[in-house]
C-alpha atoms as a PDB file:
ATOM      1  CA  MET A   1     -34.164 -57.442 130.486  1.00  0.00           C
ATOM      2  CA  LYS A   2     -34.656 -55.116 127.559  1.00  0.00           C
ATOM      3  CA  TRP A   3     -38.273 -56.208 127.104  1.00  0.00           C
ATOM      4  CA  TYR A   4     -39.020 -55.891 130.787  1.00  0.00           C
ATOM      5  CA  LEU A   5     -37.762 -52.271 130.821  1.00  0.00           C
ATOM      6  CA  LYS A   6     -39.684 -51.555 127.626  1.00  0.00           C
ATOM      7  CA  VAL A   7     -43.001 -52.584 129.313  1.00  0.00           C
ATOM      8  CA  LEU A   8     -42.122 -50.542 132.411  1.00  0.00           C
ATOM      9  CA  ASN A   9     -41.335 -47.457 130.229  1.00  0.00           C
ATOM     10  CA  ASN A  10     -44.550 -47.984 128.240  1.00  0.00           C
ATOM     11  CA  TYR A  11     -46.772 -48.570 131.284  1.00  0.00           C
ATOM     12  CA  THR A  12     -49.572 -46.085 130.412  1.00  0.00           C
ATOM     13  CA  ASN A  13     -49.955 -47.340 126.846  1.00  0.00           C
ATOM     14  CA  PHE A  14     -53.013 -49.658 126.550  1.00  0.00           C
ATOM     15  CA  SER A  15     -53.244 -49.108 122.826  1.00  0.00           C
ATOM     16  CA  GLY A  16     -51.152 -50.791 120.085  1.00  0.00           C
ATOM     17  CA  ARG A  17     -49.779 -54.205 120.012  1.00  0.00           C
ATOM     18  CA  ALA A  18     -47.207 -56.265 121.939  1.00  0.00           C
ATOM     19  CA  ARG A  19     -45.186 -59.220 120.560  1.00  0.00           C
ATOM     20  CA  ARG A  20     -45.181 -62.562 122.323  1.00  0.00           C
ATOM     21  CA  LYS A  21     -41.544 -61.982 123.128  1.00  0.00           C
ATOM     22  CA  GLU A  22     -42.356 -58.682 124.858  1.00  0.00           C
ATOM     23  CA  TYR A  23     -45.116 -60.228 126.946  1.00  0.00           C
ATOM     24  CA  TRP A  24     -43.312 -63.439 127.979  1.00  0.00           C
ATOM     25  CA  PHE A  25     -39.979 -61.767 128.802  1.00  0.00           C
ATOM     26  CA  PHE A  26     -41.911 -59.357 131.006  1.00  0.00           C
ATOM     27  CA  ALA A  27     -43.678 -62.250 132.647  1.00  0.00           C
ATOM     28  CA  LEU A  28     -40.393 -64.046 133.226  1.00  0.00           C
ATOM     29  CA  PHE A  29     -38.528 -61.108 134.780  1.00  0.00           C
ATOM     30  CA  ASN A  30     -41.617 -60.097 136.763  1.00  0.00           C
ATOM     31  CA  PHE A  31     -41.653 -63.615 138.258  1.00  0.00           C
ATOM     32  CA  ILE A  32     -37.990 -63.565 139.080  1.00  0.00           C
ATOM     33  CA  PHE A  33     -38.192 -60.108 140.694  1.00  0.00           C
ATOM     34  CA  ALA A  34     -41.276 -61.143 142.672  1.00  0.00           C
ATOM     35  CA  LEU A  35     -39.342 -64.101 144.024  1.00  0.00           C
ATOM     36  CA  VAL A  36     -36.438 -61.847 144.922  1.00  0.00           C
ATOM     37  CA  ALA A  37     -38.804 -59.497 146.749  1.00  0.00           C
ATOM     38  CA  MET A  38     -40.282 -62.414 148.661  1.00  0.00           C
ATOM     39  CA  GLY A  39     -36.735 -63.502 149.588  1.00  0.00           C
ATOM     40  CA  ILE A  40     -35.931 -60.005 150.857  1.00  0.00           C
ATOM     41  CA  ASP A  41     -39.058 -60.061 152.945  1.00  0.00           C
ATOM     42  CA  ASN A  42     -37.959 -63.393 154.448  1.00  0.00           C
ATOM     43  CA  VAL A  43     -34.477 -62.069 155.163  1.00  0.00           C
ATOM     44  CA  LEU A  44     -35.834 -58.908 156.803  1.00  0.00           C
ATOM     45  CA  HIS A  45     -38.509 -60.914 158.663  1.00  0.00           C
ATOM     46  CA  SER A  46     -41.158 -58.464 157.296  1.00  0.00           C
ATOM     47  CA  ASN A  47     -43.624 -61.221 156.290  1.00  0.00           C
ATOM     48  CA  PHE A  48     -47.350 -60.864 156.779  1.00  0.00           C
ATOM     49  CA  THR A  49     -48.988 -63.362 159.058  1.00  0.00           C
ATOM     50  CA  ILE A  50     -52.494 -64.831 159.272  1.00  0.00           C
ATOM     51  CA  GLY A  51     -53.079 -65.751 162.784  1.00  0.00           C
ATOM     52  CA  GLU A  52     -49.814 -67.676 163.583  1.00  0.00           C
ATOM     53  CA  MET A  53     -49.089 -68.730 160.128  1.00  0.00           C
ATOM     54  CA  PRO A  54     -46.501 -66.592 158.287  1.00  0.00           C
ATOM     55  CA  LEU A  55     -47.051 -65.769 154.581  1.00  0.00           C
ATOM     56  CA  PRO A  56     -44.080 -65.917 152.140  1.00  0.00           C
ATOM     57  CA  TYR A  57     -44.408 -62.243 151.305  1.00  0.00           C
ATOM     58  CA  GLY A  58     -44.460 -58.950 152.979  1.00  0.00           C
ATOM     59  CA  TYR A  59     -43.997 -55.177 152.470  1.00  0.00           C
ATOM     60  CA  VAL A  60     -41.219 -55.375 149.777  1.00  0.00           C
ATOM     61  CA  TYR A  61     -43.297 -57.831 147.726  1.00  0.00           C
ATOM     62  CA  LEU A  62     -46.459 -55.779 148.214  1.00  0.00           C
ATOM     63  CA  PHE A  63     -44.626 -52.590 147.044  1.00  0.00           C
ATOM     64  CA  TYR A  64     -43.222 -54.453 143.965  1.00  0.00           C
ATOM     65  CA  ALA A  65     -46.662 -55.961 143.120  1.00  0.00           C
ATOM     66  CA  LEU A  66     -48.380 -52.585 143.274  1.00  0.00           C
ATOM     67  CA  ALA A  67     -45.691 -50.996 141.187  1.00  0.00           C
ATOM     68  CA  THR A  68     -46.015 -53.620 138.342  1.00  0.00           C
ATOM     69  CA  ILE A  69     -49.683 -54.197 138.261  1.00  0.00           C
ATOM     70  CA  ILE A  70     -50.497 -51.346 135.804  1.00  0.00           C
ATOM     71  CA  PRO A  71     -47.578 -52.194 133.408  1.00  0.00           C
ATOM     72  CA  GLY A  72     -48.671 -55.918 133.573  1.00  0.00           C
ATOM     73  CA  LEU A  73     -52.193 -55.087 132.665  1.00  0.00           C
ATOM     74  CA  ALA A  74     -51.021 -52.737 129.824  1.00  0.00           C
ATOM     75  CA  VAL A  75     -48.847 -55.358 128.270  1.00  0.00           C
ATOM     76  CA  ALA A  76     -51.488 -58.030 128.553  1.00  0.00           C
ATOM     77  CA  VAL A  77     -53.986 -55.718 126.750  1.00  0.00           C
ATOM     78  CA  ARG A  78     -51.526 -54.976 124.009  1.00  0.00           C
ATOM     79  CA  ARG A  79     -50.779 -58.725 123.707  1.00  0.00           C
ATOM     80  CA  LEU A  80     -54.431 -59.405 123.221  1.00  0.00           C
ATOM     81  CA  HIS A  81     -54.603 -56.564 120.567  1.00  0.00           C
ATOM     82  CA  ASP A  82     -51.774 -58.356 118.790  1.00  0.00           C
ATOM     83  CA  VAL A  83     -53.931 -61.411 118.153  1.00  0.00           C
ATOM     84  CA  GLY A  84     -56.928 -59.208 117.196  1.00  0.00           C
ATOM     85  CA  LYS A  85     -58.859 -59.413 120.472  1.00  0.00           C
ATOM     86  CA  SER A  86     -60.147 -56.563 122.614  1.00  0.00           C
ATOM     87  CA  GLY A  87     -58.349 -55.753 125.875  1.00  0.00           C
ATOM     88  CA  TRP A  88     -61.645 -56.575 127.652  1.00  0.00           C
ATOM     89  CA  MET A  89     -60.918 -60.230 126.870  1.00  0.00           C
ATOM     90  CA  LEU A  90     -58.804 -60.106 130.047  1.00  0.00           C
ATOM     91  CA  LEU A  91     -62.121 -60.416 131.907  1.00  0.00           C
ATOM     92  CA  VAL A  92     -62.425 -64.029 130.554  1.00  0.00           C
ATOM     93  CA  GLY A  93     -59.890 -64.814 133.284  1.00  0.00           C
ATOM     94  CA  ILE A  94     -62.639 -64.416 135.808  1.00  0.00           C
ATOM     95  CA  ILE A  95     -64.168 -67.657 134.571  1.00  0.00           C
ATOM     96  CA  PRO A  96     -62.683 -70.478 136.802  1.00  0.00           C
ATOM     97  CA  LEU A  97     -60.179 -72.766 135.050  1.00  0.00           C
ATOM     98  CA  ILE A  98     -61.474 -72.290 131.437  1.00  0.00           C
ATOM     99  CA  GLY A  99     -60.926 -68.518 131.465  1.00  0.00           C
ATOM    100  CA  GLY A 100     -57.249 -68.814 132.503  1.00  0.00           C
ATOM    101  CA  ILE A 101     -56.605 -71.602 129.977  1.00  0.00           C
ATOM    102  CA  TRP A 102     -58.213 -69.514 127.198  1.00  0.00           C
ATOM    103  CA  LEU A 103     -56.089 -66.532 128.076  1.00  0.00           C
ATOM    104  CA  LEU A 104     -52.879 -68.675 127.965  1.00  0.00           C
ATOM    105  CA  VAL A 105     -53.908 -69.897 124.549  1.00  0.00           C
ATOM    106  CA  LEU A 106     -54.330 -66.339 123.410  1.00  0.00           C
ATOM    107  CA  PHE A 107     -51.009 -65.229 124.894  1.00  0.00           C
ATOM    108  CA  PHE A 108     -49.180 -68.091 123.143  1.00  0.00           C
ATOM    109  CA  THR A 109     -50.901 -67.447 119.780  1.00  0.00           C
ATOM    110  CA  ASP A 110     -48.787 -65.855 117.089  1.00  0.00           C
ATOM    111  CA  SER A 111     -49.382 -62.284 115.920  1.00  0.00           C
ATOM    112  CA  ASN A 112     -51.972 -61.458 113.252  1.00  0.00           C
ATOM    113  CA  LEU A 113     -50.080 -60.942 110.007  1.00  0.00           C
ATOM    114  CA  GLY A 114     -49.928 -57.358 108.770  1.00  0.00           C
ATOM    115  CA  GLU A 115     -51.984 -54.616 110.239  1.00  0.00           C
ATOM    116  CA  ASN A 116     -55.098 -55.056 112.283  1.00  0.00           C
ATOM    117  CA  LYS A 117     -57.523 -52.531 113.875  1.00  0.00           C
ATOM    118  CA  TYR A 118     -55.034 -52.055 116.777  1.00  0.00           C
ATOM    119  CA  GLY A 119     -52.093 -51.090 114.641  1.00  0.00           C
ATOM    120  CA  LEU A 120     -49.129 -52.355 112.696  1.00  0.00           C
ATOM    121  CA  ASN A 121     -47.605 -55.806 113.360  1.00  0.00           C
ATOM    122  CA  PRO A 122     -44.748 -55.163 115.828  1.00  0.00           C
ATOM    123  CA  LYS A 123     -42.736 -57.935 114.326  1.00  0.00           C
ATOM    124  CA  THR A 124     -42.317 -55.813 111.124  1.00  0.00           C
ATOM    125  CA  THR A 125     -41.573 -52.527 113.001  1.00  0.00           C
ATOM    126  CA  GLU A 126     -39.003 -53.850 115.545  1.00  0.00           C
ATOM    127  CA  GLU A 127     -35.841 -55.754 115.269  1.00  0.00           C
END
């Protein structure tokens, strides 16, 4: 939970580096809270519909998704910086299938040792 809150507090920072732990704990808690938001939408019957088909999300989920999109992008950019890539590499995700797989590989890759052009290794400056 500490890492999730750290990302939310650091939501405007697109520079620097983010450890794997920071990125993946944010992703885990973001997923859990998104499921909770969908559950609340289902309990409140505030789901969106397409024609007659109800969707699993509604206004609570939409508010949560909008609130976390910028922090999510910021931590993803900092994670790419940690492996020595530009934040613009996120655009690789536009490429169907291959782009998403390549981003996953980069997000799972260990940090560059020492300092790179984006800053100090966060493993040596934290815990």
